[in-house]
Amino acid sequence: MTSLITRRGLMLLPLTLLAGCDWVVLNPSGDIAAQQGQLIVVSTLLMLLIIVPVIALTILFAWRYRKSNTEAKYDPDWDHSTQLELVIWGAPLLIIIALGLITWISTHKLDPYRPLDRLDANRPISAAAEPLTIEVVALDWKWLFIYPEQGIATINELATPVDVPIRFKITASTVMNSFYIPALAGQIYAMPGMETQLNAVINEPGTFDGFSANFSGAGFSHMRFKYHGMDVADFDQWVKDAKKNGSTLDRAVYTQLEQPSEREPVRHFGKVAPDLYHAVLNRCVAEGTVCMNKIMHEDANRMKVQAAARNFLRDEKTVLAEIDAAVCTPSTNLLKSN
């Protein structure tokens, strides 16, 4: 018996290695991710208020009313208890209401498009604070980050200063993807021809993992990058190094990057072609291609002209009918009177 217990204990020993794992989802370094982690914990605890008693009562009933227990009360005529019905239906209903209320509030509070109003629970953001804008493009199978204010771009490396609001503008070149940095915030989809946004902030310096959370083809599993949270001074130096040592990212280079590749090394670009992200978003990087927003604008104008023409013809018919009624009706009445 002792040897059996020892063997089972040794089998459980590897589980102690889990203590060294980083529970980044529940212990993140960004305020948005921290609030999302708290939401997970609160929701789980509320659900356990039902799950734990149900499991415990299931085991209790199975044990108490086992065949060998002749002392268990047997009441075949029992069929209703108002108190029991109130507990069975009331408790889950109250928990569902609480979960719904928490979800509704959190959905609006943690809306990724909503500008941040705080750096963390104790520090609000001043009205004069401007977010750092980063344009993100999901390529096959790598990530392109464009810093329009700094005039640089990177492949598979992202850096931002600590305690500075960040606004990500996200799109994709070919297929739908998902931009996810667990330590920073929740995942946001990246879709070709569309732009999604994410507002977030990192509160602690460090190096964190970022990756694609949506299957996007053969190289999906290697579509990873490192995210560096830096002090402002270190970030400024990082930008200077990128400008000094980086090459130029123009449309020709982007077209090459757009080709499928895996395990792409980190690259820096010290100069970026004007409106490159706009061209990627509107699918008109190739020379001579009409941008999607221009096509949509022309279609909208054409529809307006067609609608105006229809309204004009309808109004013209109405006016002619009114003229006919005003001119012809008296003559008809005159003929009838004669």
Protein backbone atom coordinates (compact mmCIF):
# COMPACT_ATOMS: atom_id res chain seq x y z
CA MET A 1 0.00 0.00 0.00
CA THR A 2 2.85 2.34 0.89
CA SER A 3 4.59 1.69 -2.42
CA LEU A 4 1.35 2.49 -4.30
CA ILE A 5 1.03 5.82 -2.51
CA THR A 6 4.69 6.56 -3.21
CA ARG A 7 4.30 5.83 -6.91
CA ARG A 8 1.24 8.06 -7.16
CA GLY A 9 3.04 10.80 -5.29
CA LEU A 10 5.95 10.62 -7.71
CA MET A 11 3.52 10.83 -10.63
CA LEU A 12 2.15 14.09 -9.22
CA LEU A 13 5.62 15.53 -8.59
CA PRO A 14 5.98 17.03 -12.12
CA LEU A 15 2.93 19.19 -11.38
CA THR A 16 5.10 21.22 -8.99
CA LEU A 17 6.94 22.52 -12.06
CA LEU A 18 3.82 24.51 -12.90
CA ALA A 19 4.70 26.80 -10.00
CA GLY A 20 7.45 28.24 -12.19
CA CYS A 21 5.06 29.16 -15.00
CA ASP A 22 4.15 32.78 -15.63
CA TRP A 23 0.38 33.16 -15.37
CA VAL A 24 0.54 36.19 -17.61
CA VAL A 25 -3.22 36.37 -18.24
CA LEU A 26 -3.91 36.70 -14.51
CA ASN A 27 -0.70 38.59 -13.73
CA PRO A 28 -0.20 40.98 -16.67
CA SER A 29 1.84 44.17 -16.92
CA GLY A 30 -0.75 46.38 -18.63
CA ASP A 31 -3.78 48.02 -17.05
CA ILE A 32 -6.28 46.82 -19.68
CA ALA A 33 -5.10 43.22 -19.36
CA ALA A 34 -5.21 43.55 -15.55
CA GLN A 35 -8.85 44.65 -15.67
CA GLN A 36 -9.66 41.78 -18.02
CA GLY A 37 -7.92 39.37 -15.64
CA GLN A 38 -10.01 40.67 -12.74
CA LEU A 39 -13.13 40.15 -14.83
CA ILE A 40 -12.13 36.52 -15.42
CA VAL A 41 -11.57 35.94 -11.69
CA VAL A 42 -14.85 37.57 -10.61
CA SER A 43 -16.86 35.70 -13.26
CA THR A 44 -15.24 32.39 -12.33
CA LEU A 45 -15.95 32.87 -8.61
CA LEU A 46 -19.59 33.75 -9.30
CA MET A 47 -20.01 30.62 -11.42
CA LEU A 48 -18.33 28.49 -8.75
CA LEU A 49 -21.07 29.56 -6.33
CA ILE A 50 -23.33 27.25 -8.33
CA ILE A 51 -20.88 24.67 -9.64
CA VAL A 52 -19.32 23.73 -6.28
CA PRO A 53 -22.64 23.15 -4.41
CA VAL A 54 -24.04 21.15 -7.34
CA ILE A 55 -20.99 18.85 -7.44
CA ALA A 56 -20.95 18.53 -3.64
CA LEU A 57 -24.68 17.70 -3.47
CA THR A 58 -24.35 15.20 -6.31
CA ILE A 59 -21.66 13.32 -4.39
CA LEU A 60 -23.61 13.65 -1.13
CA PHE A 61 -26.83 12.26 -2.61
CA ALA A 62 -25.01 9.38 -4.29
CA TRP A 63 -23.40 8.47 -0.97
CA ARG A 64 -26.41 9.05 1.27
CA TYR A 65 -28.90 7.17 -0.87
CA ARG A 66 -26.64 4.28 -1.83
CA LYS A 67 -28.23 0.87 -1.83
CA SER A 68 -26.42 -0.32 1.29
CA ASN A 69 -27.61 2.63 3.42
CA THR A 70 -30.80 1.28 4.93
CA GLU A 71 -31.17 4.28 7.25
CA ALA A 72 -31.78 6.78 4.43
CA LYS A 73 -35.29 8.21 4.46
CA TYR A 74 -37.45 6.96 1.59
CA ASP A 75 -40.44 9.17 0.71
CA PRO A 76 -41.98 8.12 -2.63
CA ASP A 77 -44.95 10.51 -2.24
CA TRP A 78 -42.82 13.68 -1.98
CA ASP A 79 -43.12 15.90 -5.10
CA HIS A 80 -42.80 19.60 -4.15
CA SER A 81 -41.00 22.03 -1.86
CA THR A 82 -41.47 25.78 -2.26
CA GLN A 83 -38.33 26.56 -0.30
CA LEU A 84 -36.25 24.17 -2.40
CA GLU A 85 -37.67 25.57 -5.65
CA LEU A 86 -36.78 29.11 -4.57
CA VAL A 87 -33.19 28.07 -3.87
CA ILE A 88 -32.82 26.00 -7.06
CA TRP A 89 -34.14 28.73 -9.35
CA GLY A 90 -33.42 31.90 -7.36
CA ALA A 91 -29.69 31.43 -6.76
CA PRO A 92 -28.76 30.77 -10.43
CA LEU A 93 -31.03 33.60 -11.56
CA LEU A 94 -29.33 36.09 -9.23
CA ILE A 95 -25.90 34.96 -10.40
CA ILE A 96 -26.91 35.27 -14.06
CA ILE A 97 -28.18 38.80 -13.39
CA ALA A 98 -24.90 39.67 -11.65
CA LEU A 99 -22.85 38.20 -14.52
CA GLY A 100 -24.94 40.07 -17.07
CA LEU A 101 -24.50 43.36 -15.22
CA ILE A 102 -20.74 42.89 -14.85
CA THR A 103 -20.40 41.89 -18.51
CA TRP A 104 -22.41 44.88 -19.73
CA ILE A 105 -20.36 47.34 -17.69
CA SER A 106 -17.03 45.73 -18.60
CA THR A 107 -17.88 45.52 -22.30
CA HIS A 108 -18.28 49.29 -22.46
CA LYS A 109 -15.48 50.11 -20.05
CA LEU A 110 -12.94 47.89 -21.83
CA ASP A 111 -14.02 48.71 -25.38
CA PRO A 112 -10.74 48.55 -27.37
CA TYR A 113 -11.81 51.59 -29.44
CA ARG A 114 -12.41 53.69 -26.32
CA PRO A 115 -9.58 56.12 -25.51
CA LEU A 116 -7.94 55.42 -22.16
CA ASP A 117 -8.93 57.50 -19.15
CA ARG A 118 -6.34 56.10 -16.75
CA LEU A 119 -2.84 54.63 -16.61
CA ASP A 120 -3.79 52.31 -13.78
CA ALA A 121 -6.23 52.18 -10.89
CA ASN A 122 -4.51 55.05 -9.08
CA ARG A 123 -3.41 57.33 -11.93
CA PRO A 124 -5.77 59.08 -14.36
CA ILE A 125 -4.58 60.30 -17.75
CA SER A 126 -4.34 64.05 -18.18
CA ALA A 127 -6.46 65.63 -20.88
CA ALA A 128 -3.33 66.92 -22.64
CA ALA A 129 -1.74 63.46 -22.97
CA GLU A 130 -1.43 62.27 -26.56
CA PRO A 131 -1.29 58.53 -27.30
CA LEU A 132 1.54 56.92 -29.23
CA THR A 133 0.11 55.76 -32.57
CA ILE A 134 1.35 52.47 -34.01
CA GLU A 135 0.10 51.04 -37.31
CA VAL A 136 0.07 47.24 -37.34
CA VAL A 137 -0.03 45.09 -40.49
CA ALA A 138 -0.41 41.31 -40.28
CA LEU A 139 1.60 39.76 -43.13
CA ASP A 140 2.18 36.14 -44.13
CA TRP A 141 3.65 35.18 -41.60
CA LYS A 142 5.17 38.12 -39.81
CA TRP A 143 4.21 41.42 -38.23
CA LEU A 144 4.94 44.90 -39.55
CA PHE A 145 4.84 47.82 -37.09
CA ILE A 146 4.87 51.38 -38.45
CA TYR A 147 5.48 54.37 -36.18
CA PRO A 148 4.09 57.31 -38.22
CA GLU A 149 5.09 59.99 -35.69
CA GLN A 150 8.66 58.68 -35.41
CA GLY A 151 8.99 57.82 -39.11
CA ILE A 152 10.28 54.29 -38.51
CA ALA A 153 9.03 50.73 -38.93
CA THR A 154 10.00 47.28 -37.67
CA ILE A 155 9.46 43.64 -38.53
CA ASN A 156 8.65 41.26 -35.65
CA GLU A 157 9.67 43.70 -32.93
CA LEU A 158 7.52 46.17 -31.03
CA ALA A 159 8.56 48.71 -28.42
CA THR A 160 6.66 51.37 -26.47
CA PRO A 161 7.45 53.57 -23.47
CA VAL A 162 6.04 52.65 -20.07
CA ASP A 163 3.00 54.58 -18.79
CA VAL A 164 2.28 56.16 -22.18
CA PRO A 165 -1.13 55.52 -23.81
CA ILE A 166 -0.88 53.53 -27.04
CA ARG A 167 -3.31 53.52 -29.95
CA PHE A 168 -2.89 50.60 -32.32
CA LYS A 169 -4.41 50.78 -35.80
CA ILE A 170 -4.57 47.23 -37.10
CA THR A 171 -5.10 45.70 -40.54
CA ALA A 172 -3.94 42.69 -42.57
CA SER A 173 -2.49 42.17 -46.03
CA THR A 174 -4.13 38.91 -47.13
CA VAL A 175 -6.17 36.84 -44.67
CA MET A 176 -7.83 37.46 -41.34
CA ASN A 177 -5.46 37.33 -38.38
CA SER A 178 -5.37 38.21 -34.69
CA PHE A 179 -3.02 40.58 -32.83
CA TYR A 180 -2.42 39.45 -29.25
CA ILE A 181 -0.04 40.50 -26.47
CA PRO A 182 -1.36 38.77 -23.31
CA ALA A 183 0.60 41.04 -20.96
CA LEU A 184 -0.85 44.18 -22.58
CA ALA A 185 -4.50 43.60 -23.55
CA GLY A 186 -6.90 41.17 -25.18
CA GLN A 187 -6.61 39.96 -28.77
CA ILE A 188 -7.90 42.09 -31.63
CA TYR A 189 -8.68 40.78 -35.12
CA ALA A 190 -6.74 42.06 -38.13
CA MET A 191 -8.67 41.96 -41.42
CA PRO A 192 -7.65 42.97 -44.95
CA GLY A 193 -9.33 46.10 -46.23
CA MET A 194 -10.55 46.98 -42.74
CA GLU A 195 -9.09 48.72 -39.70
CA THR A 196 -9.56 47.70 -36.09
CA GLN A 197 -8.17 49.59 -33.11
CA LEU A 198 -6.80 48.90 -29.66
CA ASN A 199 -6.09 51.41 -26.91
CA ALA A 200 -3.79 50.12 -24.17
CA VAL A 201 -0.89 50.97 -21.86
CA ILE A 202 2.04 49.00 -20.44
CA ASN A 203 2.82 49.75 -16.80
CA GLU A 204 6.02 47.77 -16.23
CA PRO A 205 9.25 47.59 -18.21
CA GLY A 206 10.13 44.20 -19.63
CA THR A 207 10.06 41.94 -22.66
CA PHE A 208 6.80 40.18 -23.45
CA ASP A 209 5.52 37.72 -26.04
CA GLY A 210 3.21 38.73 -28.85
CA PHE A 211 1.72 36.41 -31.44
CA SER A 212 -1.12 35.63 -33.78
CA ALA A 213 -4.10 34.08 -32.01
CA ASN A 214 -5.95 33.16 -35.20
CA PHE A 215 -4.95 30.38 -37.64
CA SER A 216 -3.81 32.00 -40.87
CA GLY A 217 -1.97 29.36 -42.83
CA ALA A 218 1.15 27.21 -42.86
CA GLY A 219 3.42 29.66 -41.00
CA PHE A 220 0.89 30.63 -38.35
CA SER A 221 2.68 28.89 -35.45
CA HIS A 222 5.85 30.95 -36.04
CA MET A 223 4.06 34.28 -36.35
CA ARG A 224 5.52 35.64 -33.12
CA PHE A 225 7.31 38.79 -32.00
CA LYS A 226 8.85 40.37 -28.91
CA TYR A 227 7.26 43.38 -27.27
CA HIS A 228 9.54 45.64 -25.22
CA GLY A 229 8.16 47.94 -22.55
CA MET A 230 10.82 50.64 -22.01
CA ASP A 231 11.49 53.77 -20.05
CA VAL A 232 10.94 56.92 -22.11
CA ALA A 233 14.69 57.54 -22.41
CA ASP A 234 15.35 53.96 -23.57
CA PHE A 235 12.52 54.20 -26.09
CA ASP A 236 13.89 57.45 -27.51
CA GLN A 237 17.29 55.79 -27.91
CA TRP A 238 15.67 52.77 -29.56
CA VAL A 239 14.00 55.09 -32.09
CA LYS A 240 17.31 56.85 -32.78
CA ASP A 241 19.06 53.52 -33.36
CA ALA A 242 16.31 52.44 -35.77
CA LYS A 243 16.63 55.69 -37.73
CA LYS A 244 20.41 55.44 -37.81
CA ASN A 245 20.80 51.79 -38.72
CA GLY A 246 17.55 51.01 -40.51
CA SER A 247 16.91 50.92 -44.24
CA THR A 248 14.00 52.51 -46.15
CA LEU A 249 10.55 50.92 -46.26
CA ASP A 250 8.97 51.95 -49.54
CA ARG A 251 6.26 50.31 -51.60
CA ALA A 252 8.71 48.08 -53.47
CA VAL A 253 10.18 46.75 -50.22
CA TYR A 254 6.71 46.26 -48.77
CA THR A 255 5.70 44.24 -51.84
CA GLN A 256 8.64 41.92 -51.14
CA LEU A 257 7.71 41.66 -47.45
CA GLU A 258 4.17 40.77 -48.45
CA GLN A 259 5.38 37.50 -49.95
CA PRO A 260 4.83 34.50 -47.63
CA SER A 261 7.80 33.71 -45.38
CA GLU A 262 8.38 32.14 -41.97
CA ARG A 263 10.68 32.92 -39.04
CA GLU A 264 11.46 36.37 -40.44
CA PRO A 265 14.31 38.00 -38.46
CA VAL A 266 13.87 41.34 -36.73
CA ARG A 267 14.39 44.25 -39.11
CA HIS A 268 14.36 48.02 -38.62
CA PHE A 269 13.47 50.67 -41.17
CA GLY A 270 14.73 54.20 -40.53
CA LYS A 271 12.42 55.75 -43.11
CA VAL A 272 8.91 54.89 -44.26
CA ALA A 273 7.20 55.90 -47.50
CA PRO A 274 4.41 58.45 -46.94
CA ASP A 275 0.90 57.01 -46.56
CA LEU A 276 2.14 53.41 -46.81
CA TYR A 277 -0.29 52.18 -44.17
CA HIS A 278 -3.13 54.02 -45.92
CA ALA A 279 -2.20 52.22 -49.15
CA VAL A 280 -2.06 48.85 -47.38
CA LEU A 281 -5.41 49.45 -45.70
CA ASN A 282 -7.05 50.46 -48.98
CA ARG A 283 -5.30 47.72 -50.98
CA CYS A 284 -3.55 49.99 -53.45
CA VAL A 285 0.16 49.48 -52.75
CA ALA A 286 0.84 48.37 -56.33
CA GLU A 287 1.42 51.26 -58.71
CA GLY A 288 -1.63 52.10 -60.81
CA THR A 289 -4.09 50.42 -58.42
CA VAL A 290 -7.10 52.50 -57.44
CA CYS A 291 -7.52 52.74 -53.68
CA MET A 292 -10.55 51.05 -52.16
CA ASN A 293 -11.69 54.17 -50.32
CA LYS A 294 -11.68 56.11 -53.60
CA ILE A 295 -13.75 53.40 -55.30
CA MET A 296 -16.21 53.45 -52.40
CA HIS A 297 -16.37 57.27 -52.55
CA GLU A 298 -17.08 57.20 -56.29
CA ASP A 299 -19.73 54.51 -55.80
CA ALA A 300 -21.37 56.58 -53.07
CA ASN A 301 -21.39 59.68 -55.28
CA ARG A 302 -22.83 57.70 -58.19
CA MET A 303 -25.61 56.38 -55.96
CA LYS A 304 -26.34 59.93 -54.79
CA VAL A 305 -26.59 61.14 -58.39
CA GLN A 306 -28.89 58.26 -59.30
CA ALA A 307 -31.07 58.94 -56.26
CA ALA A 308 -31.20 62.65 -57.12
CA ALA A 309 -32.20 61.82 -60.70
CA ARG A 310 -34.97 59.52 -59.48
CA ASN A 311 -36.20 62.19 -57.09
CA PHE A 312 -36.10 64.79 -59.87
CA LEU A 313 -38.15 62.60 -62.22
CA ARG A 314 -40.60 61.84 -59.44
CA ASP A 315 -40.89 65.53 -58.56
CA GLU A 316 -41.26 66.42 -62.24
CA LYS A 317 -44.13 63.97 -62.63
CA THR A 318 -45.74 65.40 -59.50
CA VAL A 319 -45.43 68.97 -60.82
CA LEU A 320 -46.88 67.99 -64.22
CA ALA A 321 -49.76 66.24 -62.50
CA GLU A 322 -50.45 69.32 -60.40
CA ILE A 323 -50.32 71.56 -63.50
CA ASP A 324 -52.63 69.19 -65.33
CA ALA A 325 -55.01 69.21 -62.39
CA ALA A 326 -54.95 73.00 -62.17
CA VAL A 327 -55.35 73.66 -65.91
CA CYS A 328 -57.48 70.79 -67.18
CA THR A 329 -59.88 70.26 -64.31
CA PRO A 330 -61.74 73.59 -64.70
CA SER A 331 -62.27 72.92 -68.42
CA THR A 332 -63.66 69.52 -67.64
CA ASN A 333 -65.94 70.98 -65.05
CA LEU A 334 -67.02 73.66 -67.55
CA LEU A 335 -67.88 71.05 -70.14
CA LYS A 336 -69.81 69.10 -67.55
CA SER A 337 -71.76 72.24 -66.56
CA ASN A 338 -72.65 72.95 -70.17
